[in-house]
Amino acid sequence: MLNGVPGMVGETAVVTKELASSHSPGSVLARGEEWFARPLFPGTVITPGTTVVVADVERGVLVCYPADQS
């Protein structure tokens, strides 16, 4: 069982600010906190209100994809 940021991989979150690129990360609400996030697939835009899955964590930024694509 992983704790902390690495333990977030596989958890769900809700987009609060559009996720569009790694150069200008958006944000998600995960574990009751706001986190910077970006989409897993380049060119993907994920709109606010979308439930996402955390695929990875890179330098404190959550890398996510829409939950309906799992």
Protein backbone atom coordinates (compact mmCIF):
# COMPACT_ATOMS: atom_id res chain seq x y z
CA MET A 1 0.00 0.00 0.00
CA LEU A 2 1.52 3.30 -1.10
CA ASN A 3 0.88 6.50 0.80
CA GLY A 4 1.38 10.14 -0.14
CA VAL A 5 1.60 11.34 -3.72
CA PRO A 6 2.75 7.98 -5.24
CA GLY A 7 -0.29 6.33 -3.65
CA MET A 8 -2.60 8.57 -5.70
CA VAL A 9 -2.01 6.59 -8.90
CA GLY A 10 -5.26 4.84 -9.79
CA GLU A 11 -7.45 7.14 -7.69
CA THR A 12 -10.16 9.35 -9.16
CA ALA A 13 -10.37 13.14 -9.05
CA VAL A 14 -12.65 15.86 -10.45
CA VAL A 15 -11.35 18.51 -12.85
CA THR A 16 -11.77 22.04 -11.46
CA LYS A 17 -9.74 23.94 -14.10
CA GLU A 18 -9.43 22.69 -17.70
CA LEU A 19 -6.59 20.23 -18.36
CA ALA A 20 -5.08 20.99 -21.75
CA SER A 21 -1.27 20.90 -21.75
CA SER A 22 1.82 20.28 -19.66
CA HIS A 23 2.97 23.89 -20.27
CA SER A 24 -0.06 25.35 -18.51
CA PRO A 25 -1.45 22.75 -16.09
CA GLY A 26 -5.04 22.84 -14.94
CA SER A 27 -6.24 21.54 -11.61
CA VAL A 28 -8.22 18.73 -10.03
CA LEU A 29 -9.78 18.06 -6.65
CA ALA A 30 -8.31 14.87 -5.19
CA ARG A 31 -8.30 13.69 -1.57
CA GLY A 32 -10.07 16.91 -0.63
CA GLU A 33 -7.22 19.08 -1.97
CA GLU A 34 -6.56 21.05 -5.14
CA TRP A 35 -3.69 19.65 -7.26
CA PHE A 36 -2.05 20.80 -10.48
CA ALA A 37 -2.79 18.34 -13.27
CA ARG A 38 -2.34 17.72 -16.97
CA PRO A 39 -3.85 15.22 -19.43
CA LEU A 40 -2.08 11.92 -20.08
CA PHE A 41 -2.47 12.14 -23.85
CA PRO A 42 -1.02 15.20 -25.68
CA GLY A 43 -3.63 17.27 -27.48
CA THR A 44 -6.41 16.11 -25.16
CA VAL A 45 -8.59 18.71 -23.44
CA ILE A 46 -10.47 17.65 -20.30
CA THR A 47 -13.19 20.05 -19.17
CA PRO A 48 -14.14 21.04 -15.61
CA GLY A 49 -16.53 18.65 -13.89
CA THR A 50 -15.05 15.58 -15.60
CA THR A 51 -14.05 12.67 -13.37
CA VAL A 52 -10.51 11.56 -14.15
CA VAL A 53 -8.16 8.76 -13.09
CA VAL A 54 -4.64 9.58 -11.93
CA ALA A 55 -2.23 7.65 -14.19
CA ASP A 56 1.06 9.08 -12.91
CA VAL A 57 2.61 11.87 -10.86
CA GLU A 58 5.41 13.95 -12.41
CA ARG A 59 7.14 16.51 -10.18
CA GLY A 60 4.00 17.00 -8.11
CA VAL A 61 1.69 17.34 -11.15
CA LEU A 62 -1.00 14.67 -11.52
CA VAL A 63 -1.18 13.10 -14.99
CA CYS A 64 -4.81 12.14 -15.68
CA TYR A 65 -7.20 10.65 -18.20
CA PRO A 66 -11.02 10.68 -18.24
CA ALA A 67 -12.55 7.90 -16.10
CA ASP A 68 -14.87 6.88 -18.95
CA GLN A 69 -11.78 5.84 -20.98
CA SER A 70 -10.66 3.22 -18.46
